[in-house]
């Protein structure tokens, strides 16, 4: 619905995505999950909004330059929302930490991101109904990768 109002989707999407990640994190940690957790992203409104705008700007500039820099930036900032929600980081420390973590594991994460993108694109074919299952599964897969990589990072 927010996508129907100009620029509203750009504001609402990162907040709801953060809420979905919050739900996945809570499930992983054995906490109870309610529908209210979908709106947990609103507690981090400003960092999520600024990070989303900056990443969109950086990716757009990178795509304009030669396409590959834009794709690289899109991939390396993949953990930004998770870091803001999970570790309560501000937008720039979350973006920098995402860049460092994913750069160290670039090819494996890029392959995962490509696989998840293909799954989500295929799920949109039957009128988008497949996204009801594919989207949470893809978010959970990304969170699993994130938690495995950040766990090994903290133990080193």
Protein backbone atom coordinates (compact mmCIF):
# COMPACT_ATOMS: atom_id res chain seq x y z
CA UNK A 1 0.00 0.00 0.00
CA UNK A 2 2.89 2.32 0.84
CA UNK A 3 4.21 1.83 -2.69
CA UNK A 4 1.14 3.55 -4.09
CA UNK A 5 2.08 6.82 -2.40
CA UNK A 6 5.18 8.38 -4.01
CA UNK A 7 8.32 7.85 -1.91
CA UNK A 8 6.29 6.24 0.88
CA UNK A 9 7.46 2.76 -0.10
CA UNK A 10 11.07 3.91 0.25
CA UNK A 11 10.31 4.95 3.84
CA UNK A 12 8.12 2.02 4.90
CA UNK A 13 10.02 -0.83 3.22
CA UNK A 14 13.24 -0.63 5.31
CA UNK A 15 11.20 -0.38 8.50
CA UNK A 16 9.07 -3.42 7.73
CA UNK A 17 12.08 -5.38 6.51
CA UNK A 18 13.76 -4.60 9.82
CA UNK A 19 10.65 -5.85 11.60
CA UNK A 20 10.77 -9.12 9.68
CA UNK A 21 14.44 -9.52 10.58
CA UNK A 22 13.55 -8.80 14.20
CA UNK A 23 11.02 -11.63 14.07
CA UNK A 24 13.59 -14.03 12.58
CA UNK A 25 16.15 -13.04 15.23
CA UNK A 26 13.60 -13.55 18.01
CA UNK A 27 12.64 -16.97 16.66
CA UNK A 28 16.28 -17.99 16.44
CA UNK A 29 16.88 -16.97 20.04
CA UNK A 30 13.80 -18.76 21.30
CA UNK A 31 11.88 -15.59 22.18
CA UNK A 32 8.17 -15.25 21.60
CA UNK A 33 7.10 -13.56 18.40
CA UNK A 34 3.94 -11.54 17.92
CA UNK A 35 2.59 -9.52 15.04
CA UNK A 36 3.72 -6.39 16.90
CA UNK A 37 7.33 -7.40 16.26
CA UNK A 38 6.72 -6.62 12.60
CA UNK A 39 6.90 -2.96 13.62
CA UNK A 40 10.15 -3.22 15.64
CA UNK A 41 11.93 -1.39 12.83
CA UNK A 42 10.11 1.81 13.76
CA UNK A 43 12.20 1.92 16.96
CA UNK A 44 15.24 2.47 14.70
CA UNK A 45 13.48 4.78 12.26
CA UNK A 46 16.25 7.30 11.61
CA UNK A 47 19.25 4.92 11.27
CA UNK A 48 17.25 2.61 8.97
CA UNK A 49 15.99 5.47 6.83
CA UNK A 50 19.40 7.15 6.49
CA UNK A 51 21.13 3.82 5.76
CA UNK A 52 18.52 2.96 3.14
CA UNK A 53 18.89 6.33 1.43
CA UNK A 54 22.69 6.24 1.48
CA UNK A 55 22.87 2.69 0.18
CA UNK A 56 20.40 3.54 -2.59
CA UNK A 57 22.46 6.60 -3.51
CA UNK A 58 25.79 4.70 -3.48
CA UNK A 59 24.36 1.82 -5.53
CA UNK A 60 22.79 4.22 -8.05
CA UNK A 61 26.09 6.05 -8.49
CA UNK A 62 27.93 2.73 -8.80
CA UNK A 63 25.45 1.44 -11.37
CA UNK A 64 25.76 4.67 -13.32
CA UNK A 65 29.56 4.44 -13.37
CA UNK A 66 30.03 0.91 -14.69
CA UNK A 67 27.32 -1.39 -13.27
CA UNK A 68 29.80 -3.66 -11.44
CA UNK A 69 30.62 -1.12 -8.70
CA UNK A 70 26.89 -0.73 -8.08
CA UNK A 71 26.39 -4.47 -7.79
CA UNK A 72 29.39 -4.72 -5.47
CA UNK A 73 27.97 -1.98 -3.23
CA UNK A 74 24.53 -3.61 -3.25
CA UNK A 75 26.09 -6.85 -2.01
CA UNK A 76 28.49 -5.50 0.61
CA UNK A 77 25.81 -3.50 2.38
CA UNK A 78 23.61 -6.59 2.72
CA UNK A 79 23.94 -6.86 6.50
CA UNK A 80 23.28 -3.20 7.31
CA UNK A 81 19.66 -3.65 8.38
CA UNK A 82 20.51 -6.76 10.39
CA UNK A 83 23.30 -4.93 12.20
CA UNK A 84 21.04 -1.98 13.03
CA UNK A 85 18.36 -4.30 14.43
CA UNK A 86 20.53 -6.98 16.02
CA UNK A 87 23.43 -4.97 17.40
CA UNK A 88 21.69 -1.59 17.73
CA UNK A 89 24.32 0.17 15.60
CA UNK A 90 23.83 3.58 14.04
CA UNK A 91 23.62 3.78 10.24
CA UNK A 92 27.28 4.47 9.40
CA UNK A 93 28.88 1.94 11.80
CA UNK A 94 26.38 -0.66 10.54
CA UNK A 95 27.24 0.11 6.91
CA UNK A 96 30.97 -0.03 7.59
CA UNK A 97 30.72 -3.26 9.57
CA UNK A 98 28.58 -4.83 6.84
CA UNK A 99 31.17 -3.79 4.26
CA UNK A 100 34.05 -5.30 6.25
CA UNK A 101 32.26 -8.57 7.03
CA UNK A 102 30.89 -9.22 3.57
CA UNK A 103 34.08 -8.11 1.82
CA UNK A 104 35.92 -10.85 3.76
CA UNK A 105 33.35 -13.42 2.56
CA UNK A 106 32.40 -11.76 -0.71
CA UNK A 107 32.07 -14.66 -3.12
CA UNK A 108 30.15 -16.97 -0.82
CA UNK A 109 27.75 -14.19 0.18
CA UNK A 110 27.37 -13.02 -3.43
CA UNK A 111 26.44 -16.57 -4.43
CA UNK A 112 23.90 -16.76 -1.60
CA UNK A 113 22.44 -13.36 -2.56
CA UNK A 114 22.15 -14.46 -6.19
CA UNK A 115 20.45 -17.71 -5.20
CA UNK A 116 18.00 -15.91 -2.91
CA UNK A 117 17.24 -13.34 -5.62
CA UNK A 118 16.48 -16.11 -8.12
CA UNK A 119 14.23 -17.87 -5.60
CA UNK A 120 12.31 -14.67 -4.90
CA UNK A 121 11.98 -13.85 -8.60
CA UNK A 122 10.63 -17.32 -9.34
CA UNK A 123 8.24 -16.98 -6.41
CA UNK A 124 6.71 -13.87 -7.99
CA UNK A 125 5.67 -15.76 -11.14
CA UNK A 126 2.37 -17.16 -9.85
CA UNK A 127 0.94 -13.69 -9.10
CA UNK A 128 3.45 -13.21 -6.29
CA UNK A 129 1.82 -15.87 -4.14
CA UNK A 130 5.06 -17.81 -3.79
CA UNK A 131 6.55 -14.88 -1.89
CA UNK A 132 4.38 -15.78 1.09
CA UNK A 133 6.74 -18.72 1.63
CA UNK A 134 9.86 -17.63 -0.25
CA UNK A 135 10.35 -14.23 1.43
CA UNK A 136 10.52 -15.51 5.03
CA UNK A 137 12.69 -18.44 3.97
CA UNK A 138 15.09 -16.11 2.15
CA UNK A 139 15.24 -13.71 5.11
CA UNK A 140 15.91 -16.63 7.45
CA UNK A 141 18.66 -17.94 5.14
CA UNK A 142 20.32 -14.54 5.04
CA UNK A 143 20.08 -14.26 8.83
CA UNK A 144 21.62 -17.73 9.23
CA UNK A 145 24.55 -16.71 7.07
CA UNK A 146 24.88 -13.44 8.99
CA UNK A 147 24.82 -15.18 12.38
CA UNK A 148 27.38 -17.79 11.27
CA UNK A 149 29.75 -15.15 9.88
CA UNK A 150 29.43 -12.74 12.81
CA UNK A 151 29.85 -15.60 15.29
CA UNK A 152 33.13 -16.66 13.68
CA UNK A 153 34.18 -13.01 13.48
CA UNK A 154 33.76 -12.50 17.24
CA UNK A 155 35.56 -15.74 18.14
CA UNK A 156 38.67 -14.86 16.09
